[in-house]
Amino acid sequence: MASTAQSVVGRLTGRVVSDSATRERARLPLWVLPVAAICLLAIYIVGYDQGTLLYAFLGESSMKFNFIHEFVHDGRHLLGFACH
């Protein structure tokens, strides 16, 4: 008896595919999650950080001088983030 995945794939493509082949296609490469996390961190840094990211290391001076904001200021405007 064919499994549900086999019957669905068989109806759509006219052929029977084993469950292991169906599962292999669904897996993401291992590098996808770290790359996605780095991209989300970069979007946060460029778009939203106002000194809080460096607060643990620099204390009040990170809020006063706003190092990250000044470093990525033009990039914020280029990407359409409002920062003033």
N, C-alpha and C. Protein backbone atom coordinates (compact mmCIF):
# COMPACT_ATOMS: atom_id res chain seq x y z
N MET A 1 0.84 -1.18 0.00
CA MET A 1 0.00 0.00 0.00
C MET A 1 0.89 1.25 0.00
N ALA A 2 0.57 2.19 -0.85
CA ALA A 2 1.37 3.41 -0.97
C ALA A 2 1.06 4.35 0.18
N SER A 3 2.10 5.05 0.64
CA SER A 3 1.89 6.02 1.72
C SER A 3 1.23 7.27 1.16
N THR A 4 0.84 8.17 2.06
CA THR A 4 0.17 9.40 1.66
C THR A 4 1.07 10.26 0.78
N ALA A 5 2.35 10.38 1.17
CA ALA A 5 3.29 11.18 0.38
C ALA A 5 3.46 10.60 -1.01
N GLN A 6 3.53 9.27 -1.11
CA GLN A 6 3.68 8.64 -2.41
C GLN A 6 2.46 8.86 -3.27
N SER A 7 1.28 8.75 -2.66
CA SER A 7 0.07 8.90 -3.46
C SER A 7 -0.12 10.34 -3.93
N VAL A 8 0.22 11.32 -3.09
CA VAL A 8 0.10 12.72 -3.48
C VAL A 8 1.08 13.04 -4.60
N VAL A 9 2.35 12.62 -4.42
CA VAL A 9 3.36 12.86 -5.45
C VAL A 9 2.97 12.12 -6.73
N GLY A 10 2.47 10.92 -6.58
CA GLY A 10 2.05 10.15 -7.74
C GLY A 10 0.91 10.82 -8.49
N ARG A 11 -0.03 11.39 -7.79
CA ARG A 11 -1.14 12.09 -8.45
C ARG A 11 -0.66 13.35 -9.15
N LEU A 12 0.28 14.06 -8.55
CA LEU A 12 0.74 15.32 -9.14
C LEU A 12 1.69 15.11 -10.31
N THR A 13 2.56 14.12 -10.23
CA THR A 13 3.58 13.95 -11.26
C THR A 13 3.39 12.71 -12.12
N GLY A 14 2.51 11.83 -11.71
CA GLY A 14 2.31 10.61 -12.47
C GLY A 14 3.33 9.54 -12.17
N ARG A 15 4.15 9.72 -11.14
CA ARG A 15 5.14 8.71 -10.78
C ARG A 15 5.15 8.54 -9.27
N VAL A 16 5.68 7.44 -8.84
CA VAL A 16 5.75 7.14 -7.40
C VAL A 16 7.16 7.44 -6.93
N VAL A 17 7.25 8.21 -5.84
CA VAL A 17 8.54 8.56 -5.25
C VAL A 17 8.56 8.01 -3.83
N SER A 18 9.68 7.46 -3.44
CA SER A 18 9.77 6.88 -2.10
C SER A 18 9.76 7.97 -1.04
N ASP A 19 9.41 7.58 0.18
CA ASP A 19 9.38 8.53 1.30
C ASP A 19 10.75 9.12 1.59
N SER A 20 11.80 8.32 1.46
CA SER A 20 13.14 8.83 1.76
C SER A 20 13.55 9.93 0.78
N ALA A 21 13.16 9.80 -0.48
CA ALA A 21 13.48 10.85 -1.46
C ALA A 21 12.69 12.12 -1.15
N THR A 22 11.46 11.98 -0.71
CA THR A 22 10.64 13.14 -0.35
C THR A 22 11.23 13.84 0.86
N ARG A 23 11.69 13.10 1.85
CA ARG A 23 12.29 13.69 3.04
C ARG A 23 13.62 14.38 2.71
N GLU A 24 14.40 13.82 1.80
CA GLU A 24 15.68 14.43 1.43
C GLU A 24 15.48 15.82 0.84
N ARG A 25 14.47 16.02 0.07
CA ARG A 25 14.22 17.33 -0.54
C ARG A 25 13.79 18.36 0.50
N ALA A 26 13.17 17.92 1.57
CA ALA A 26 12.64 18.84 2.57
C ALA A 26 13.71 19.34 3.53
N ARG A 27 14.85 18.70 3.59
CA ARG A 27 15.89 19.12 4.53
C ARG A 27 16.63 20.35 4.02
N LEU A 28 16.92 21.24 4.95
CA LEU A 28 17.71 22.43 4.62
C LEU A 28 19.18 22.13 4.88
N PRO A 29 20.07 22.74 4.11
CA PRO A 29 21.50 22.58 4.40
C PRO A 29 21.82 23.18 5.78
N LEU A 30 22.86 22.68 6.42
CA LEU A 30 23.20 23.12 7.77
C LEU A 30 23.60 24.59 7.84
N TRP A 31 24.07 25.17 6.76
CA TRP A 31 24.54 26.54 6.78
C TRP A 31 23.39 27.55 6.73
N VAL A 32 22.17 27.13 6.44
CA VAL A 32 21.06 28.07 6.26
C VAL A 32 20.71 28.79 7.56
N LEU A 33 20.62 28.09 8.67
CA LEU A 33 20.22 28.74 9.93
C LEU A 33 21.25 29.73 10.44
N PRO A 34 22.55 29.41 10.48
CA PRO A 34 23.51 30.43 10.91
C PRO A 34 23.54 31.65 9.99
N VAL A 35 23.42 31.43 8.69
CA VAL A 35 23.43 32.56 7.75
C VAL A 35 22.19 33.42 7.97
N ALA A 36 21.04 32.80 8.19
CA ALA A 36 19.81 33.56 8.45
C ALA A 36 19.94 34.36 9.75
N ALA A 37 20.54 33.77 10.79
CA ALA A 37 20.72 34.48 12.05
C ALA A 37 21.66 35.67 11.88
N ILE A 38 22.72 35.50 11.13
CA ILE A 38 23.66 36.60 10.87
C ILE A 38 22.98 37.71 10.09
N CYS A 39 22.17 37.35 9.11
CA CYS A 39 21.45 38.36 8.32
C CYS A 39 20.46 39.14 9.18
N LEU A 40 19.74 38.44 10.06
CA LEU A 40 18.81 39.13 10.95
C LEU A 40 19.55 40.05 11.92
N LEU A 41 20.70 39.62 12.42
CA LEU A 41 21.50 40.46 13.29
C LEU A 41 21.99 41.70 12.54
N ALA A 42 22.41 41.53 11.31
CA ALA A 42 22.87 42.67 10.50
C ALA A 42 21.74 43.65 10.25
N ILE A 43 20.54 43.15 9.96
CA ILE A 43 19.39 44.04 9.76
C ILE A 43 19.08 44.81 11.03
N TYR A 44 19.16 44.12 12.18
CA TYR A 44 18.94 44.81 13.45
C TYR A 44 19.98 45.90 13.68
N ILE A 45 21.25 45.57 13.45
CA ILE A 45 22.32 46.53 13.69
C ILE A 45 22.16 47.75 12.79
N VAL A 46 21.95 47.52 11.51
CA VAL A 46 21.85 48.63 10.57
C VAL A 46 20.56 49.41 10.77
N GLY A 47 19.47 48.71 11.01
CA GLY A 47 18.19 49.39 11.02
C GLY A 47 17.69 49.92 12.34
N TYR A 48 18.02 49.24 13.44
CA TYR A 48 17.32 49.58 14.67
C TYR A 48 18.19 49.89 15.88
N ASP A 49 19.43 49.46 15.89
CA ASP A 49 20.23 49.65 17.10
C ASP A 49 20.54 51.12 17.34
N GLN A 50 20.33 51.56 18.57
CA GLN A 50 20.61 52.95 18.95
C GLN A 50 21.61 53.00 20.11
N GLY A 51 22.50 52.03 20.18
CA GLY A 51 23.51 52.02 21.23
C GLY A 51 23.34 50.90 22.23
N THR A 52 22.21 50.19 22.20
CA THR A 52 21.97 49.15 23.20
C THR A 52 22.84 47.92 22.97
N LEU A 53 23.26 47.67 21.76
CA LEU A 53 24.06 46.47 21.47
C LEU A 53 25.43 46.54 22.17
N LEU A 54 26.02 47.70 22.22
CA LEU A 54 27.34 47.86 22.85
C LEU A 54 27.26 48.29 24.31
N TYR A 55 26.06 48.43 24.85
CA TYR A 55 25.90 48.91 26.22
C TYR A 55 26.60 48.00 27.23
N ALA A 56 26.56 46.70 27.01
CA ALA A 56 27.19 45.75 27.94
C ALA A 56 28.71 45.93 28.00
N PHE A 57 29.29 46.39 26.90
CA PHE A 57 30.75 46.54 26.83
C PHE A 57 31.22 47.95 27.16
N LEU A 58 30.46 48.96 26.74
CA LEU A 58 30.92 50.34 26.88
C LEU A 58 30.14 51.15 27.91
N GLY A 59 29.06 50.62 28.42
CA GLY A 59 28.27 51.34 29.41
C GLY A 59 27.55 52.54 28.81
N GLU A 60 27.44 53.60 29.59
CA GLU A 60 26.69 54.79 29.18
C GLU A 60 27.27 55.47 27.94
N SER A 61 28.56 55.32 27.71
CA SER A 61 29.16 56.00 26.55
C SER A 61 28.61 55.46 25.23
N SER A 62 28.14 54.20 25.21
CA SER A 62 27.56 53.67 23.98
C SER A 62 26.27 54.40 23.63
N MET A 63 25.52 54.81 24.65
CA MET A 63 24.29 55.57 24.38
C MET A 63 24.60 57.03 24.07
N LYS A 64 25.60 57.56 24.73
CA LYS A 64 25.95 58.97 24.55
C LYS A 64 26.55 59.24 23.17
N PHE A 65 27.51 58.41 22.77
CA PHE A 65 28.19 58.64 21.50
C PHE A 65 27.55 57.89 20.34
N ASN A 66 26.75 56.87 20.63
CA ASN A 66 25.97 56.16 19.62
C ASN A 66 26.85 55.66 18.47
N PHE A 67 27.88 54.90 18.79
CA PHE A 67 28.88 54.46 17.82
C PHE A 67 28.29 53.74 16.62
N ILE A 68 27.45 52.73 16.88
CA ILE A 68 26.90 51.95 15.77
C ILE A 68 26.02 52.81 14.88
N HIS A 69 25.18 53.64 15.47
CA HIS A 69 24.30 54.51 14.70
C HIS A 69 25.12 55.39 13.76
N GLU A 70 26.15 56.00 14.26
CA GLU A 70 26.98 56.87 13.42
C GLU A 70 27.73 56.10 12.35
N PHE A 71 28.15 54.87 12.68
CA PHE A 71 28.90 54.06 11.72
C PHE A 71 28.04 53.63 10.54
N VAL A 72 26.76 53.31 10.78
CA VAL A 72 25.88 52.82 9.72
C VAL A 72 24.83 53.85 9.30
N HIS A 73 25.02 55.09 9.66
CA HIS A 73 24.03 56.14 9.42
C HIS A 73 23.64 56.27 7.95
N ASP A 74 24.60 56.37 7.07
CA ASP A 74 24.27 56.53 5.65
C ASP A 74 23.63 55.27 5.08
N GLY A 75 24.05 54.12 5.57
CA GLY A 75 23.43 52.88 5.13
C GLY A 75 21.98 52.78 5.52
N ARG A 76 21.64 53.34 6.67
CA ARG A 76 20.22 53.37 7.10
C ARG A 76 19.39 54.15 6.11
N HIS A 77 19.88 55.31 5.73
CA HIS A 77 19.11 56.13 4.78
C HIS A 77 19.05 55.46 3.41
N LEU A 78 20.13 54.85 2.99
CA LEU A 78 20.15 54.16 1.72
C LEU A 78 19.13 53.02 1.67
N LEU A 79 18.98 52.31 2.78
CA LEU A 79 18.05 51.19 2.84
C LEU A 79 16.62 51.62 3.20
N GLY A 80 16.41 52.88 3.47
CA GLY A 80 15.07 53.38 3.73
C GLY A 80 14.65 53.37 5.18
N PHE A 81 15.57 53.12 6.13
CA PHE A 81 15.23 53.18 7.55
C PHE A 81 15.27 54.64 7.99
N ALA A 82 14.24 55.04 8.72
CA ALA A 82 14.24 56.38 9.29
C ALA A 82 15.02 56.36 10.59
N CYS A 83 15.90 57.34 10.80
CA CYS A 83 16.65 57.34 12.06
C CYS A 83 16.68 58.70 12.72
N HIS A 84 15.96 59.66 12.24
CA HIS A 84 15.89 60.96 12.90
C HIS A 84 14.43 61.24 13.18
